[in-house]
Structure formats: C-alpha cells, structure tokens
Amino acid sequence: MPLKIGVLISGSGTNLQSIIDSIERGYINAEISVVISNKENAFGLERAMNHNINAVYINQRQYESFGKFNDAIYDVLKNNQVDIVVLAGYLKILSHKLIENYKNRIINIHPSLIPSFCGKGYYGIKVHEAAIDYGVKLSGATVHFVDEGADTGPIILQETAKVDYNDTAESLQKKVLKIEHELLPLAVKLLCENRLEVVGRKVKIKELN
C-alpha cells in the first residue's frame, strides 16, 4: 500500500513539483494526499490542483494562538490519513504536538549546507545572500528531519554546489534549486521505503533488502 504524503508549502512550490513528477514517473512509490499552505496566493496550491491533489489554505490569523494554528494543520493531515510530512519551502516552525505525532516522519529541505547559513532568519534568497557575502567556495542543499528548532534536526542528505567568484545570490539560488529538485525526491523515496534510521544525530541509510 503506497504511503500518503502531506506537503507543507509557503510559496511557488517548485520542490513540490519535483515530488509530484517523481511520483508520476514511478520513482517514488507513494501518493500526495494533501498540500497545505499558510499563504493564500502560494502558486504551489495551483500546482496541486493541476494534478488533482487536495489543496488547503490555512490562515494563521483565524486562530487565537500558534498552537491552535498548528492543531488545524495536524487535523488536516490526520483527516487525509497522511503517513509522512514534507516541508517544501514552508516558512514556519511546527508545534511540539505535530512533531511528536510525526516523529522522524517529517523532513525539510534547506538551501545551504547545514549548519552554515541556517536557523532563524535564513530562508529564501537571504540564505544565498549570506553565502555570497561570506565568500564561501561551496554551498548546496540539505534535507533533514524536523525537530522543534529551526533547521536543527538530524541530516539525511547533503549535496554541494560550487560558488564562483562572479556568482550572485540569484545565480547561486538557481544552482542550489537544481540540487534541491534531485535531493528532496531522493529523501522522500528513502523515507517511503523505510530506509532511514535515526541514531542520535546521525541518519543511517539502509540498503534495500
């Protein structure tokens, strides 16, 4: 029985699209049962609808607390029988309840080599601006399990991108995005195949039986 995936987004959803494409071509044996956005005009919702995937906008302002907002997300995931959760450009921290109920079943993609240029305030183009300003020679992308911190969970996969002297934040973003679109589907595939084992801070990738 294919696992059901819930994807959380805040923006255009290009990483969401990479998962949709990977499922449709048989690379990932799973189905996306719901896409949830905290932004009403996120293009990712349209991407979901274009593929007949349930698309849900949840407005944080309608809830009296951050916890209640996260409870609403949890309820939608539960109602859609979601097995694993993927944060694909989702710009909010998750609540303790949500993380506990999906322990080691929530993954996130971040556009840098964690622990560099991550945590509070590092999202979108800001990550690449910081990398360029610092003068690093390598950047890249990281897929990690989600805990209650910002980009602090155990690392699943990382891939590097070379930073050239003439690179701008925008050109680096394009390089890293290309990597993200390969790395995230691979991590989702491994999780769906039950091939990821968390040992302390380390993640062991098990061979297929």
C-alpha atoms as a PDB file:
ATOM      1  CA  MET A   1       0.000   0.000   0.000  1.00  0.00           C
ATOM      2  CA  PRO A   2       1.647   3.312  -1.060  1.00  0.00           C
ATOM      3  CA  LEU A   3       2.251   5.759   1.786  1.00  0.00           C
ATOM      4  CA  LYS A   4       0.333   9.023   1.861  1.00  0.00           C
ATOM      5  CA  ILE A   5       2.352  12.244   1.868  1.00  0.00           C
ATOM      6  CA  GLY A   6       1.301  15.648   3.173  1.00  0.00           C
ATOM      7  CA  VAL A   7       3.294  18.571   1.754  1.00  0.00           C
ATOM      8  CA  LEU A   8       3.508  21.954   3.507  1.00  0.00           C
ATOM      9  CA  ILE A   9       4.402  24.987   1.397  1.00  0.00           C
ATOM     10  CA  SER A  10       4.564  28.777   1.601  1.00  0.00           C
ATOM     11  CA  GLY A  11       5.463  29.706  -1.969  1.00  0.00           C
ATOM     12  CA  SER A  12       5.761  28.714  -5.609  1.00  0.00           C
ATOM     13  CA  GLY A  13       6.131  25.003  -4.903  1.00  0.00           C
ATOM     14  CA  THR A  14       8.950  24.008  -7.268  1.00  0.00           C
ATOM     15  CA  ASN A  15      10.100  21.379  -4.755  1.00  0.00           C
ATOM     16  CA  LEU A  16       6.515  20.167  -4.514  1.00  0.00           C
ATOM     17  CA  GLN A  17       6.538  19.820  -8.295  1.00  0.00           C
ATOM     18  CA  SER A  18       9.713  17.718  -8.143  1.00  0.00           C
ATOM     19  CA  ILE A  19       7.941  15.283  -5.793  1.00  0.00           C
ATOM     20  CA  ILE A  20       4.786  15.198  -7.946  1.00  0.00           C
ATOM     21  CA  ASP A  21       6.900  14.459 -11.052  1.00  0.00           C
ATOM     22  CA  SER A  22       8.869  11.758  -9.223  1.00  0.00           C
ATOM     23  CA  ILE A  23       5.666  10.022  -8.109  1.00  0.00           C
ATOM     24  CA  GLU A  24       4.101  10.247 -11.568  1.00  0.00           C
ATOM     25  CA  ARG A  25       7.114   8.629 -13.226  1.00  0.00           C
ATOM     26  CA  GLY A  26       7.232   5.831 -10.622  1.00  0.00           C
ATOM     27  CA  TYR A  27      10.465   6.905  -8.881  1.00  0.00           C
ATOM     28  CA  ILE A  28       8.604   7.307  -5.553  1.00  0.00           C
ATOM     29  CA  ASN A  29       6.019   4.702  -4.572  1.00  0.00           C
ATOM     30  CA  ALA A  30       3.640   6.998  -2.682  1.00  0.00           C
ATOM     31  CA  GLU A  31       0.849   9.487  -3.224  1.00  0.00           C
ATOM     32  CA  ILE A  32       0.401  13.081  -2.124  1.00  0.00           C
ATOM     33  CA  SER A  33      -2.940  13.177  -0.330  1.00  0.00           C
ATOM     34  CA  VAL A  34      -2.881  16.870   0.617  1.00  0.00           C
ATOM     35  CA  VAL A  35      -0.899  20.071   0.066  1.00  0.00           C
ATOM     36  CA  ILE A  36      -1.245  22.714   2.795  1.00  0.00           C
ATOM     37  CA  SER A  37      -0.158  26.350   2.505  1.00  0.00           C
ATOM     38  CA  ASN A  38      -0.075  29.154   5.067  1.00  0.00           C
ATOM     39  CA  LYS A  39      -0.178  31.652   2.162  1.00  0.00           C
ATOM     40  CA  GLU A  40      -3.403  32.041   0.210  1.00  0.00           C
ATOM     41  CA  ASN A  41      -1.713  33.058  -3.066  1.00  0.00           C
ATOM     42  CA  ALA A  42       1.038  30.398  -2.986  1.00  0.00           C
ATOM     43  CA  PHE A  43       1.402  29.063  -6.527  1.00  0.00           C
ATOM     44  CA  GLY A  44       2.087  25.637  -5.054  1.00  0.00           C
ATOM     45  CA  LEU A  45      -1.658  25.313  -4.323  1.00  0.00           C
ATOM     46  CA  GLU A  46      -2.337  25.731  -8.029  1.00  0.00           C
ATOM     47  CA  ARG A  47       0.304  23.111  -8.838  1.00  0.00           C
ATOM     48  CA  ALA A  48      -1.506  20.686  -6.526  1.00  0.00           C
ATOM     49  CA  MET A  49      -4.896  21.373  -8.085  1.00  0.00           C
ATOM     50  CA  ASN A  50      -3.419  20.912 -11.581  1.00  0.00           C
ATOM     51  CA  HIS A  51      -2.625  17.332 -10.528  1.00  0.00           C
ATOM     52  CA  ASN A  52      -5.967  16.725  -8.771  1.00  0.00           C
ATOM     53  CA  ILE A  53      -4.349  16.878  -5.335  1.00  0.00           C
ATOM     54  CA  ASN A  54      -6.338  18.227  -2.384  1.00  0.00           C
ATOM     55  CA  ALA A  55      -5.049  21.806  -1.808  1.00  0.00           C
ATOM     56  CA  VAL A  56      -5.768  23.547   1.505  1.00  0.00           C
ATOM     57  CA  TYR A  57      -5.022  27.110   2.645  1.00  0.00           C
ATOM     58  CA  ILE A  58      -4.885  27.605   6.416  1.00  0.00           C
ATOM     59  CA  ASN A  59      -4.852  31.222   7.584  1.00  0.00           C
ATOM     60  CA  GLN A  60      -2.922  31.655  10.845  1.00  0.00           C
ATOM     61  CA  ARG A  61      -4.833  34.881  11.607  1.00  0.00           C
ATOM     62  CA  GLN A  62      -8.016  32.882  12.093  1.00  0.00           C
ATOM     63  CA  TYR A  63      -6.558  31.130  15.137  1.00  0.00           C
ATOM     64  CA  GLU A  64      -6.053  32.596  18.586  1.00  0.00           C
ATOM     65  CA  SER A  65      -2.602  31.047  19.034  1.00  0.00           C
ATOM     66  CA  PHE A  66       0.261  29.474  17.139  1.00  0.00           C
ATOM     67  CA  GLY A  67      -0.598  26.173  18.812  1.00  0.00           C
ATOM     68  CA  LYS A  68      -4.202  26.258  17.562  1.00  0.00           C
ATOM     69  CA  PHE A  69      -2.956  27.076  14.053  1.00  0.00           C
ATOM     70  CA  ASN A  70      -0.690  24.015  14.165  1.00  0.00           C
ATOM     71  CA  ASP A  71      -3.571  21.927  15.551  1.00  0.00           C
ATOM     72  CA  ALA A  72      -5.556  22.888  12.438  1.00  0.00           C
ATOM     73  CA  ILE A  73      -2.671  21.693  10.229  1.00  0.00           C
ATOM     74  CA  TYR A  74      -2.464  18.457  12.218  1.00  0.00           C
ATOM     75  CA  ASP A  75      -6.213  17.867  11.833  1.00  0.00           C
ATOM     76  CA  VAL A  76      -5.991  18.264   8.034  1.00  0.00           C
ATOM     77  CA  LEU A  77      -3.027  15.855   7.891  1.00  0.00           C
ATOM     78  CA  LYS A  78      -4.889  13.332  10.051  1.00  0.00           C
ATOM     79  CA  ASN A  79      -8.127  13.639   8.072  1.00  0.00           C
ATOM     80  CA  ASN A  80      -6.147  12.945   4.893  1.00  0.00           C
ATOM     81  CA  GLN A  81      -4.501   9.883   6.518  1.00  0.00           C
ATOM     82  CA  VAL A  82      -1.013  11.310   5.993  1.00  0.00           C
ATOM     83  CA  ASP A  83       1.880   8.980   6.858  1.00  0.00           C
ATOM     84  CA  ILE A  84       4.793  11.340   6.234  1.00  0.00           C
ATOM     85  CA  VAL A  85       5.098  15.126   6.042  1.00  0.00           C
ATOM     86  CA  VAL A  86       7.384  17.053   3.695  1.00  0.00           C
ATOM     87  CA  LEU A  87       8.178  20.734   4.206  1.00  0.00           C
ATOM     88  CA  ALA A  88       8.857  22.076   0.720  1.00  0.00           C
ATOM     89  CA  GLY A  89       9.576  25.763   1.191  1.00  0.00           C
ATOM     90  CA  TYR A  90       7.382  26.042   4.305  1.00  0.00           C
ATOM     91  CA  LEU A  91       8.464  29.035   6.368  1.00  0.00           C
ATOM     92  CA  LYS A  92       7.001  28.266   9.805  1.00  0.00           C
ATOM     93  CA  ILE A  93       8.205  26.284  12.806  1.00  0.00           C
ATOM     94  CA  LEU A  94       5.981  23.329  13.731  1.00  0.00           C
ATOM     95  CA  SER A  95       4.454  22.747  17.170  1.00  0.00           C
ATOM     96  CA  HIS A  96       5.580  20.108  19.670  1.00  0.00           C
ATOM     97  CA  LYS A  97       2.329  18.156  19.179  1.00  0.00           C
ATOM     98  CA  LEU A  98       2.737  17.978  15.414  1.00  0.00           C
ATOM     99  CA  ILE A  99       6.378  16.923  15.628  1.00  0.00           C
ATOM    100  CA  GLU A 100       5.701  14.297  18.308  1.00  0.00           C
ATOM    101  CA  ASN A 101       2.835  12.766  16.350  1.00  0.00           C
ATOM    102  CA  TYR A 102       5.018  12.510  13.235  1.00  0.00           C
ATOM    103  CA  LYS A 103       8.328  11.765  14.964  1.00  0.00           C
ATOM    104  CA  ASN A 104      11.057  11.038  12.383  1.00  0.00           C
ATOM    105  CA  ARG A 105       8.403  11.257   9.663  1.00  0.00           C
ATOM    106  CA  ILE A 106       8.758  14.984   8.869  1.00  0.00           C
ATOM    107  CA  ILE A 107      11.519  16.173   6.536  1.00  0.00           C
ATOM    108  CA  ASN A 108      12.579  19.607   5.332  1.00  0.00           C
ATOM    109  CA  ILE A 109      14.759  20.941   2.511  1.00  0.00           C
ATOM    110  CA  HIS A 110      17.097  23.868   3.236  1.00  0.00           C
ATOM    111  CA  PRO A 111      19.168  25.744   0.606  1.00  0.00           C
ATOM    112  CA  SER A 112      22.569  25.594   2.322  1.00  0.00           C
ATOM    113  CA  LEU A 113      24.987  23.087   3.815  1.00  0.00           C
ATOM    114  CA  ILE A 114      23.685  22.965   7.389  1.00  0.00           C
ATOM    115  CA  PRO A 115      24.972  24.070   9.914  1.00  0.00           C
ATOM    116  CA  SER A 116      26.040  27.015   7.711  1.00  0.00           C
ATOM    117  CA  PHE A 117      23.510  29.768   6.913  1.00  0.00           C
ATOM    118  CA  CYS A 118      20.552  28.183   8.636  1.00  0.00           C
ATOM    119  CA  GLY A 119      18.205  28.824  11.530  1.00  0.00           C
ATOM    120  CA  LYS A 120      16.091  31.868  12.312  1.00  0.00           C
ATOM    121  CA  GLY A 121      16.008  34.460   9.533  1.00  0.00           C
ATOM    122  CA  TYR A 122      17.734  32.256   6.963  1.00  0.00           C
ATOM    123  CA  TYR A 123      15.213  31.473   4.244  1.00  0.00           C
ATOM    124  CA  GLY A 124      14.797  32.018   0.506  1.00  0.00           C
ATOM    125  CA  ILE A 125      17.211  34.406  -1.170  1.00  0.00           C
ATOM    126  CA  LYS A 126      18.569  35.550   2.242  1.00  0.00           C
ATOM    127  CA  VAL A 127      20.441  32.244   2.574  1.00  0.00           C
ATOM    128  CA  HIS A 128      22.242  32.777  -0.729  1.00  0.00           C
ATOM    129  CA  GLU A 129      22.958  36.455   0.010  1.00  0.00           C
ATOM    130  CA  ALA A 130      24.646  35.389   3.246  1.00  0.00           C
ATOM    131  CA  ALA A 131      26.707  32.724   1.460  1.00  0.00           C
ATOM    132  CA  ILE A 132      27.853  35.195  -1.217  1.00  0.00           C
ATOM    133  CA  ASP A 133      28.645  37.898   1.368  1.00  0.00           C
ATOM    134  CA  TYR A 134      30.705  35.436   3.394  1.00  0.00           C
ATOM    135  CA  GLY A 135      32.693  34.403   0.327  1.00  0.00           C
ATOM    136  CA  VAL A 136      32.235  30.639   0.628  1.00  0.00           C
ATOM    137  CA  LYS A 137      33.512  28.457  -2.205  1.00  0.00           C
ATOM    138  CA  LEU A 138      30.897  25.738  -1.677  1.00  0.00           C
ATOM    139  CA  SER A 139      27.229  25.912  -0.844  1.00  0.00           C
ATOM    140  CA  GLY A 140      24.471  23.412  -1.525  1.00  0.00           C
ATOM    141  CA  ALA A 141      21.295  21.901  -0.118  1.00  0.00           C
ATOM    142  CA  THR A 142      20.390  19.804   2.911  1.00  0.00           C
ATOM    143  CA  VAL A 143      17.457  17.528   3.628  1.00  0.00           C
ATOM    144  CA  HIS A 144      16.948  16.896   7.333  1.00  0.00           C
ATOM    145  CA  PHE A 145      14.431  15.536   9.799  1.00  0.00           C
ATOM    146  CA  VAL A 146      12.384  18.219  11.531  1.00  0.00           C
ATOM    147  CA  ASP A 147      12.537  18.833  15.258  1.00  0.00           C
ATOM    148  CA  GLU A 148      11.355  21.826  17.277  1.00  0.00           C
ATOM    149  CA  GLY A 149      14.303  24.031  16.336  1.00  0.00           C
ATOM    150  CA  ALA A 150      14.912  25.905  13.092  1.00  0.00           C
ATOM    151  CA  ASP A 151      16.943  23.619  10.777  1.00  0.00           C
ATOM    152  CA  THR A 152      18.360  21.659  13.724  1.00  0.00           C
ATOM    153  CA  GLY A 153      17.127  18.097  13.073  1.00  0.00           C
ATOM    154  CA  PRO A 154      19.324  15.133  12.011  1.00  0.00           C
ATOM    155  CA  ILE A 155      20.732  15.475   8.479  1.00  0.00           C
ATOM    156  CA  ILE A 156      19.574  12.938   5.877  1.00  0.00           C
ATOM    157  CA  LEU A 157      21.268  14.103   2.661  1.00  0.00           C
ATOM    158  CA  GLN A 158      23.544  16.926   1.506  1.00  0.00           C
ATOM    159  CA  GLU A 159      24.871  17.913  -1.892  1.00  0.00           C
ATOM    160  CA  THR A 160      27.291  20.686  -2.802  1.00  0.00           C
ATOM    161  CA  ALA A 161      27.195  23.493  -5.361  1.00  0.00           C
ATOM    162  CA  LYS A 162      30.377  25.322  -6.395  1.00  0.00           C
ATOM    163  CA  VAL A 163      30.288  29.055  -5.755  1.00  0.00           C
ATOM    164  CA  ASP A 164      32.127  31.006  -8.454  1.00  0.00           C
ATOM    165  CA  TYR A 165      33.692  34.418  -7.895  1.00  0.00           C
ATOM    166  CA  ASN A 166      31.112  36.100 -10.158  1.00  0.00           C
ATOM    167  CA  ASP A 167      28.093  34.344  -8.674  1.00  0.00           C
ATOM    168  CA  THR A 168      25.274  36.482  -7.299  1.00  0.00           C
ATOM    169  CA  ALA A 169      22.679  35.411  -4.747  1.00  0.00           C
ATOM    170  CA  GLU A 170      20.286  34.851  -7.661  1.00  0.00           C
ATOM    171  CA  SER A 171      22.671  32.732  -9.745  1.00  0.00           C
ATOM    172  CA  LEU A 172      23.624  30.668  -6.684  1.00  0.00           C
ATOM    173  CA  GLN A 173      19.944  30.181  -5.883  1.00  0.00           C
ATOM    174  CA  LYS A 174      19.422  28.668  -9.357  1.00  0.00           C
ATOM    175  CA  LYS A 175      22.352  26.266  -8.882  1.00  0.00           C
ATOM    176  CA  VAL A 176      21.117  25.156  -5.470  1.00  0.00           C
ATOM    177  CA  LEU A 177      17.496  24.824  -6.611  1.00  0.00           C
ATOM    178  CA  LYS A 178      18.620  22.320  -9.232  1.00  0.00           C
ATOM    179  CA  ILE A 179      20.193  20.252  -6.462  1.00  0.00           C
ATOM    180  CA  GLU A 180      17.100  20.585  -4.249  1.00  0.00           C
ATOM    181  CA  HIS A 181      14.923  19.149  -7.025  1.00  0.00           C
ATOM    182  CA  GLU A 182      17.023  15.976  -7.022  1.00  0.00           C
ATOM    183  CA  LEU A 183      17.800  15.709  -3.313  1.00  0.00           C
ATOM    184  CA  LEU A 184      14.279  16.097  -1.909  1.00  0.00           C
ATOM    185  CA  PRO A 185      12.646  13.375  -4.065  1.00  0.00           C
ATOM    186  CA  LEU A 186      15.513  11.022  -3.157  1.00  0.00           C
ATOM    187  CA  ALA A 187      14.981  11.675   0.567  1.00  0.00           C
ATOM    188  CA  VAL A 188      11.217  11.152   0.188  1.00  0.00           C
ATOM    189  CA  LYS A 189      11.877   7.886  -1.668  1.00  0.00           C
ATOM    190  CA  LEU A 190      14.226   6.654   1.092  1.00  0.00           C
ATOM    191  CA  LEU A 191      11.709   7.582   3.803  1.00  0.00           C
ATOM    192  CA  CYS A 192       8.847   5.862   1.955  1.00  0.00           C
ATOM    193  CA  GLU A 193      10.990   2.726   1.596  1.00  0.00           C
ATOM    194  CA  ASN A 194      11.698   2.757   5.352  1.00  0.00           C
ATOM    195  CA  ARG A 195      15.430   3.051   4.683  1.00  0.00           C
ATOM    196  CA  LEU A 196      16.244   5.857   7.126  1.00  0.00           C
ATOM    197  CA  GLU A 197      17.318   5.087  10.678  1.00  0.00           C
ATOM    198  CA  VAL A 198      17.990   7.890  13.169  1.00  0.00           C
ATOM    199  CA  VAL A 199      20.785   7.125  15.645  1.00  0.00           C
ATOM    200  CA  GLY A 200      21.343  10.159  17.889  1.00  0.00           C
ATOM    201  CA  ARG A 201      22.207  12.984  15.498  1.00  0.00           C
ATOM    202  CA  LYS A 202      23.203  10.648  12.688  1.00  0.00           C
ATOM    203  CA  VAL A 203      20.981   9.185   9.974  1.00  0.00           C
ATOM    204  CA  LYS A 204      21.842   5.752   8.632  1.00  0.00           C
ATOM    205  CA  ILE A 205      20.684   4.952   5.087  1.00  0.00           C
ATOM    206  CA  LYS A 206      19.859   1.253   4.938  1.00  0.00           C
ATOM    207  CA  GLU A 207      20.353  -0.858   1.836  1.00  0.00           C
ATOM    208  CA  LEU A 208      17.272  -2.355   0.190  1.00  0.00           C
ATOM    209  CA  ASN A 209      16.658  -5.944   1.332  1.00  0.00           C
END
